C-alpha atoms as a PDB file:
ATOM      1  CA  UNK A   1     -39.028  -6.626-135.282  1.00  0.00           C
ATOM      2  CA  UNK A   2     -35.274  -7.245-135.263  1.00  0.00           C
ATOM      3  CA  UNK A   3     -32.636  -5.044-133.585  1.00  0.00           C
ATOM      4  CA  UNK A   4     -31.451  -3.430-136.830  1.00  0.00           C
ATOM      5  CA  UNK A   5     -34.899  -1.921-137.664  1.00  0.00           C
ATOM      6  CA  UNK A   6     -35.166  -0.466-134.142  1.00  0.00           C
ATOM      7  CA  UNK A   7     -31.736   1.204-134.577  1.00  0.00           C
ATOM      8  CA  UNK A   8     -32.740   2.353-138.074  1.00  0.00           C
ATOM      9  CA  UNK A   9     -35.919   4.018-136.748  1.00  0.00           C
ATOM     10  CA  UNK A  10     -33.983   5.618-133.906  1.00  0.00           C
ATOM     11  CA  UNK A  11     -31.308   6.845-136.269  1.00  0.00           C
ATOM     12  CA  UNK A  12     -33.907   8.279-138.644  1.00  0.00           C
ATOM     13  CA  UNK A  13     -35.515  10.105-135.702  1.00  0.00           C
ATOM     14  CA  UNK A  14     -32.088  11.383-134.533  1.00  0.00           C
ATOM     15  CA  UNK A  15     -31.198  12.693-137.984  1.00  0.00           C
ATOM     16  CA  UNK A  16     -34.575  14.355-138.328  1.00  0.00           C
ATOM     17  CA  UNK A  17     -34.286  15.991-134.889  1.00  0.00           C
ATOM     18  CA  UNK A  18     -30.655  17.083-135.346  1.00  0.00           C
ATOM     19  CA  UNK A  19     -31.496  18.479-138.768  1.00  0.00           C
ATOM     20  CA  UNK A  20     -33.859  20.930-137.073  1.00  0.00           C
ATOM     21  CA  UNK A  21     -32.229  21.580-133.689  1.00  0.00           C
ATOM     22  CA  UNK A  22     -28.798  21.892-132.182  1.00  0.00           C
ATOM     23  CA  UNK A  23     -28.502  19.410-129.372  1.00  0.00           C
ATOM     24  CA  UNK A  24     -26.366  17.890-126.658  1.00  0.00           C
ATOM     25  CA  UNK A  25     -25.981  14.185-126.237  1.00  0.00           C
ATOM     26  CA  UNK A  26     -28.192  14.271-123.159  1.00  0.00           C
ATOM     27  CA  UNK A  27     -31.004  16.086-124.989  1.00  0.00           C
ATOM     28  CA  UNK A  28     -30.736  13.708-127.967  1.00  0.00           C
ATOM     29  CA  UNK A  29     -30.926  10.738-125.588  1.00  0.00           C
ATOM     30  CA  UNK A  30     -34.097  12.236-124.007  1.00  0.00           C
ATOM     31  CA  UNK A  31     -35.691  12.823-127.436  1.00  0.00           C
ATOM     32  CA  UNK A  32     -34.944   9.285-128.515  1.00  0.00           C
ATOM     33  CA  UNK A  33     -36.223   7.913-125.212  1.00  0.00           C
ATOM     34  CA  UNK A  34     -39.559   9.740-125.623  1.00  0.00           C
ATOM     35  CA  UNK A  35     -39.790   8.563-129.223  1.00  0.00           C
ATOM     36  CA  UNK A  36     -39.152   4.965-128.149  1.00  0.00           C
ATOM     37  CA  UNK A  37     -41.779   5.197-125.426  1.00  0.00           C
ATOM     38  CA  UNK A  38     -44.362   6.378-127.995  1.00  0.00           C
ATOM     39  CA  UNK A  39     -43.458   4.306-131.045  1.00  0.00           C
ATOM     40  CA  UNK A  40     -41.424   1.300-129.866  1.00  0.00           C
ATOM     41  CA  UNK A  41     -43.226   0.380-126.636  1.00  0.00           C
ATOM     42  CA  UNK A  42     -43.844  -3.216-127.721  1.00  0.00           C
ATOM     43  CA  UNK A  43     -40.109  -4.002-127.639  1.00  0.00           C
ATOM     44  CA  UNK A  44     -37.829  -5.033-124.836  1.00  0.00           C
ATOM     45  CA  UNK A  45     -36.735  -1.997-122.808  1.00  0.00           C
ATOM     46  CA  UNK A  46     -33.138  -3.264-122.491  1.00  0.00           C
ATOM     47  CA  UNK A  47     -32.910  -3.691-126.263  1.00  0.00           C
ATOM     48  CA  UNK A  48     -34.291  -0.168-126.765  1.00  0.00           C
ATOM     49  CA  UNK A  49     -31.818   1.296-124.242  1.00  0.00           C
ATOM     50  CA  UNK A  50     -28.921  -0.378-126.005  1.00  0.00           C
ATOM     51  CA  UNK A  51     -30.212   0.864-129.395  1.00  0.00           C
ATOM     52  CA  UNK A  52     -30.469   4.402-128.050  1.00  0.00           C
ATOM     53  CA  UNK A  53     -26.909   4.256-126.713  1.00  0.00           C
ATOM     54  CA  UNK A  54     -25.704   2.945-130.089  1.00  0.00           C
ATOM     55  CA  UNK A  55     -27.561   5.688-131.963  1.00  0.00           C
ATOM     56  CA  UNK A  56     -26.169   8.471-129.781  1.00  0.00           C
ATOM     57  CA  UNK A  57     -22.660   7.056-130.168  1.00  0.00           C
ATOM     58  CA  UNK A  58     -23.085   6.795-133.872  1.00  0.00           C
ATOM     59  CA  UNK A  59     -24.325  10.388-134.129  1.00  0.00           C
ATOM     60  CA  UNK A  60     -21.344  11.553-132.113  1.00  0.00           C
ATOM     61  CA  UNK A  61     -18.926   9.579-134.315  1.00  0.00           C
ATOM     62  CA  UNK A  62     -20.473  11.067-137.432  1.00  0.00           C
ATOM     63  CA  UNK A  63     -20.210  14.568-135.990  1.00  0.00           C
ATOM     64  CA  UNK A  64     -23.970  15.146-135.858  1.00  0.00           C
ATOM     65  CA  UNK A  65     -23.853  15.888-132.121  1.00  0.00           C
ATOM     66  CA  UNK A  66     -20.917  17.556-130.397  1.00  0.00           C
ATOM     67  CA  UNK A  67     -21.244  18.708-126.789  1.00  0.00           C
ATOM     68  CA  UNK A  68     -18.319  21.192-127.063  1.00  0.00           C
ATOM     69  CA  UNK A  69     -19.684  22.897-130.190  1.00  0.00           C
ATOM     70  CA  UNK A  70     -23.165  22.885-128.713  1.00  0.00           C
ATOM     71  CA  UNK A  71     -22.002  24.503-125.448  1.00  0.00           C
ATOM     72  CA  UNK A  72     -20.031  27.191-127.316  1.00  0.00           C
ATOM     73  CA  UNK A  73     -22.962  27.995-129.580  1.00  0.00           C
ATOM     74  CA  UNK A  74     -25.347  28.270-126.645  1.00  0.00           C
ATOM     75  CA  UNK A  75     -22.942  30.352-124.606  1.00  0.00           C
ATOM     76  CA  UNK A  76     -22.407  32.819-127.485  1.00  0.00           C
ATOM     77  CA  UNK A  77     -26.146  33.065-128.079  1.00  0.00           C
ATOM     78  CA  UNK A  78     -26.970  33.628-124.428  1.00  0.00           C
ATOM     79  CA  UNK A  79     -24.224  36.239-124.075  1.00  0.00           C
ATOM     80  CA  UNK A  80     -25.643  38.184-127.036  1.00  0.00           C
ATOM     81  CA  UNK A  81     -29.043  38.115-125.284  1.00  0.00           C
ATOM     82  CA  UNK A  82     -27.472  39.534-122.109  1.00  0.00           C
ATOM     83  CA  UNK A  83     -27.369  36.470-119.910  1.00  0.00           C
ATOM     84  CA  UNK A  84     -24.969  36.222-116.950  1.00  0.00           C
ATOM     85  CA  UNK A  85     -22.304  33.557-116.482  1.00  0.00           C
ATOM     86  CA  UNK A  86     -24.369  32.050-113.687  1.00  0.00           C
ATOM     87  CA  UNK A  87     -27.481  31.889-115.846  1.00  0.00           C
ATOM     88  CA  UNK A  88     -25.562  30.318-118.737  1.00  0.00           C
ATOM     89  CA  UNK A  89     -23.981  27.762-116.405  1.00  0.00           C
ATOM     90  CA  UNK A  90     -27.388  26.760-115.071  1.00  0.00           C
ATOM     91  CA  UNK A  91     -28.817  26.357-118.569  1.00  0.00           C
ATOM     92  CA  UNK A  92     -25.874  24.297-119.792  1.00  0.00           C
ATOM     93  CA  UNK A  93     -25.912  22.114-116.716  1.00  0.00           C
ATOM     94  CA  UNK A  94     -29.435  21.120-117.627  1.00  0.00           C
ATOM     95  CA  UNK A  95     -27.892  19.392-120.632  1.00  0.00           C
ATOM     96  CA  UNK A  96     -25.597  17.419-118.286  1.00  0.00           C
ATOM     97  CA  UNK A  97     -22.480  19.103-119.672  1.00  0.00           C
ATOM     98  CA  UNK A  98     -19.180  18.903-117.827  1.00  0.00           C
ATOM     99  CA  UNK A  99     -17.983  22.005-115.930  1.00  0.00           C
ATOM    100  CA  UNK A 100     -14.783  21.995-118.074  1.00  0.00           C
ATOM    101  CA  UNK A 101     -16.911  22.094-121.237  1.00  0.00           C
ATOM    102  CA  UNK A 102     -18.981  24.946-119.782  1.00  0.00           C
ATOM    103  CA  UNK A 103     -15.914  26.901-118.713  1.00  0.00           C
ATOM    104  CA  UNK A 104     -14.343  26.567-122.183  1.00  0.00           C
ATOM    105  CA  UNK A 105     -17.632  27.658-123.796  1.00  0.00           C
ATOM    106  CA  UNK A 106     -17.839  30.733-121.619  1.00  0.00           C
ATOM    107  CA  UNK A 107     -14.228  31.662-122.444  1.00  0.00           C
ATOM    108  CA  UNK A 108     -14.998  31.360-126.131  1.00  0.00           C
ATOM    109  CA  UNK A 109     -18.156  33.459-125.763  1.00  0.00           C
ATOM    110  CA  UNK A 110     -16.221  36.206-124.009  1.00  0.00           C
ATOM    111  CA  UNK A 111     -12.979  36.095-125.980  1.00  0.00           C
ATOM    112  CA  UNK A 112     -13.546  39.329-127.947  1.00  0.00           C
ATOM    113  CA  UNK A 113     -15.059  41.343-125.118  1.00  0.00           C
ATOM    114  CA  UNK A 114     -13.006  43.327-122.631  1.00  0.00           C
ATOM    115  CA  UNK A 115     -15.398  42.337-119.813  1.00  0.00           C
ATOM    116  CA  UNK A 116     -17.980  39.768-120.888  1.00  0.00           C
ATOM    117  CA  UNK A 117     -20.038  39.943-117.717  1.00  0.00           C
ATOM    118  CA  UNK A 118     -20.315  43.726-117.783  1.00  0.00           C
ATOM    119  CA  UNK A 119     -21.186  43.617-121.489  1.00  0.00           C
ATOM    120  CA  UNK A 120     -23.908  41.050-120.848  1.00  0.00           C
ATOM    121  CA  UNK A 121     -25.263  43.119-117.954  1.00  0.00           C
ATOM    122  CA  UNK A 122     -25.484  46.218-120.216  1.00  0.00           C
ATOM    123  CA  UNK A 123     -27.216  44.171-122.922  1.00  0.00           C
ATOM    124  CA  UNK A 124     -29.652  42.785-120.339  1.00  0.00           C
ATOM    125  CA  UNK A 125     -30.414  46.326-119.051  1.00  0.00           C
ATOM    126  CA  UNK A 126     -30.948  47.559-122.618  1.00  0.00           C
ATOM    127  CA  UNK A 127     -33.225  44.625-123.489  1.00  0.00           C
ATOM    128  CA  UNK A 128     -35.292  45.052-120.328  1.00  0.00           C
ATOM    129  CA  UNK A 129     -35.158  48.890-120.508  1.00  0.00           C
ATOM    130  CA  UNK A 130     -33.841  49.274-116.990  1.00  0.00           C
ATOM    131  CA  UNK A 131     -31.109  51.317-115.380  1.00  0.00           C
ATOM    132  CA  UNK A 132     -29.650  53.867-117.821  1.00  0.00           C
ATOM    133  CA  UNK A 133     -32.041  52.579-120.554  1.00  0.00           C
ATOM    134  CA  UNK A 134     -35.116  53.352-118.473  1.00  0.00           C
ATOM    135  CA  UNK A 135     -36.814  56.287-120.210  1.00  0.00           C
ATOM    136  CA  UNK A 136     -38.710  57.033-116.957  1.00  0.00           C
ATOM    137  CA  UNK A 137     -35.483  57.290-114.951  1.00  0.00           C
ATOM    138  CA  UNK A 138     -35.661  61.024-114.343  1.00  0.00           C
ATOM    139  CA  UNK A 139     -39.342  61.767-114.921  1.00  0.00           C
ATOM    140  CA  UNK A 140     -39.634  64.001-111.931  1.00  0.00           C
ATOM    141  CA  UNK A 141     -41.331  61.332-109.780  1.00  0.00           C
ATOM    142  CA  UNK A 142     -40.799  61.682-106.108  1.00  0.00           C
ATOM    143  CA  UNK A 143     -37.615  60.234-104.665  1.00  0.00           C
ATOM    144  CA  UNK A 144     -39.407  57.272-103.063  1.00  0.00           C
ATOM    145  CA  UNK A 145     -40.926  56.162-106.405  1.00  0.00           C
ATOM    146  CA  UNK A 146     -37.517  56.445-108.092  1.00  0.00           C
ATOM    147  CA  UNK A 147     -35.843  54.404-105.330  1.00  0.00           C
ATOM    148  CA  UNK A 148     -38.528  51.712-105.479  1.00  0.00           C
ATOM    149  CA  UNK A 149     -38.210  51.441-109.255  1.00  0.00           C
ATOM    150  CA  UNK A 150     -34.429  51.202-108.944  1.00  0.00           C
ATOM    151  CA  UNK A 151     -34.679  48.478-106.274  1.00  0.00           C
ATOM    152  CA  UNK A 152     -37.054  46.452-108.544  1.00  0.00           C
ATOM    153  CA  UNK A 153     -34.659  46.881-111.419  1.00  0.00           C
ATOM    154  CA  UNK A 154     -31.660  45.821-109.346  1.00  0.00           C
ATOM    155  CA  UNK A 155     -33.681  42.829-108.207  1.00  0.00           C
ATOM    156  CA  UNK A 156     -34.213  41.864-111.844  1.00  0.00           C
ATOM    157  CA  UNK A 157     -30.482  42.045-112.413  1.00  0.00           C
ATOM    158  CA  UNK A 158     -29.815  39.908-109.359  1.00  0.00           C
ATOM    159  CA  UNK A 159     -32.386  37.296-110.396  1.00  0.00           C
ATOM    160  CA  UNK A 160     -30.707  37.205-113.777  1.00  0.00           C
ATOM    161  CA  UNK A 161     -27.494  36.217-111.988  1.00  0.00           C
ATOM    162  CA  UNK A 162     -25.496  39.424-112.099  1.00  0.00           C
ATOM    163  CA  UNK A 163     -23.373  40.422-109.089  1.00  0.00           C
ATOM    164  CA  UNK A 164     -24.303  43.626-107.282  1.00  0.00           C
ATOM    165  CA  UNK A 165     -20.958  45.254-108.281  1.00  0.00           C
ATOM    166  CA  UNK A 166     -21.666  44.642-111.972  1.00  0.00           C
ATOM    167  CA  UNK A 167     -25.282  45.866-111.598  1.00  0.00           C
ATOM    168  CA  UNK A 168     -24.062  49.066-109.858  1.00  0.00           C
ATOM    169  CA  UNK A 169     -21.627  49.780-112.673  1.00  0.00           C
ATOM    170  CA  UNK A 170     -24.510  49.623-115.154  1.00  0.00           C
ATOM    171  CA  UNK A 171     -26.854  51.691-112.989  1.00  0.00           C
ATOM    172  CA  UNK A 172     -24.167  54.311-112.404  1.00  0.00           C
ATOM    173  CA  UNK A 173     -24.181  55.212-116.105  1.00  0.00           C
ATOM    174  CA  UNK A 174     -25.769  58.623-116.751  1.00  0.00           C
ATOM    175  CA  UNK A 175     -28.130  57.691-119.582  1.00  0.00           C
ATOM    176  CA  UNK A 176     -28.746  55.376-122.539  1.00  0.00           C
ATOM    177  CA  UNK A 177     -26.118  57.180-124.625  1.00  0.00           C
ATOM    178  CA  UNK A 178     -23.477  56.357-122.001  1.00  0.00           C
ATOM    179  CA  UNK A 179     -24.765  52.768-121.941  1.00  0.00           C
ATOM    180  CA  UNK A 180     -24.525  52.432-125.724  1.00  0.00           C
ATOM    181  CA  UNK A 181     -20.989  53.905-125.617  1.00  0.00           C
ATOM    182  CA  UNK A 182     -19.974  51.369-122.937  1.00  0.00           C
ATOM    183  CA  UNK A 183     -21.470  48.473-124.934  1.00  0.00           C
ATOM    184  CA  UNK A 184     -19.567  49.626-128.017  1.00  0.00           C
ATOM    185  CA  UNK A 185     -16.268  49.867-126.063  1.00  0.00           C
ATOM    186  CA  UNK A 186     -16.723  46.434-124.534  1.00  0.00           C
ATOM    187  CA  UNK A 187     -17.673  44.807-127.857  1.00  0.00           C
ATOM    188  CA  UNK A 188     -14.493  46.107-129.435  1.00  0.00           C
ATOM    189  CA  UNK A 189     -12.325  44.818-126.605  1.00  0.00           C
ATOM    190  CA  UNK A 190     -11.504  48.236-125.191  1.00  0.00           C
ATOM    191  CA  UNK A 191     -11.196  48.795-121.480  1.00  0.00           C
ATOM    192  CA  UNK A 192     -14.245  50.724-120.347  1.00  0.00           C
ATOM    193  CA  UNK A 193     -13.845  54.271-119.176  1.00  0.00           C
ATOM    194  CA  UNK A 194     -16.203  54.323-116.195  1.00  0.00           C
END
C-alpha cells in the first residue's frame, strides 16, 4: 500500500472522529495512533508516524481541530458544571495544552461572571447538595453529627480544587435560597453581597 492510501485512511478516520467529538491535537494524534496500531500494523512505523503528523497538520489547517477553541469550549462547559480552576487546568493539561492557552480559556469562561471561582463553587455545592443546598443541614442532629457532615462536605470541596476561603464563603450562606440568589448575582456580573 502506498503512502497516499495510508494518509487517506487516516484522514477519513480523523474526519469521522472529529465529526463526533471535539478534540485537541494531542487527542486526535492518540486516536489516529490507536487506529494505525489496529488497522495499519503491517506498514512501516516511521511512515505511519509521518502520515499521522501530516493528517493532524492538515486537520489543523482546514480548521477541523483548534486547540484554542477546544480549550475555551471545555473551560466553559466545566465552569457550568461547577469545576474549579485547578480542576479545569488539570483536565486541559491532559490534552497537552499550553499554559497560555489554558489561561486564556479560563478568562473566556469567567468573562461574564463577577467571581468565576465562587460561582463554580456554588454550582458545585448545588449539584452535590452540600453546604447551603444540603436539605439535612439543620435537621436537629446532634452537633457532632452536623460537624462531621460539614467536614466531609468541605473535604469534597477541597478535593474538587476549591480553596478553603471560597468553600467557607459558600458554607456561610444561610440556606439554598441565599445560594440561588448568590448564583444569580454572580451570573449577571454583579458583586456579591455576602
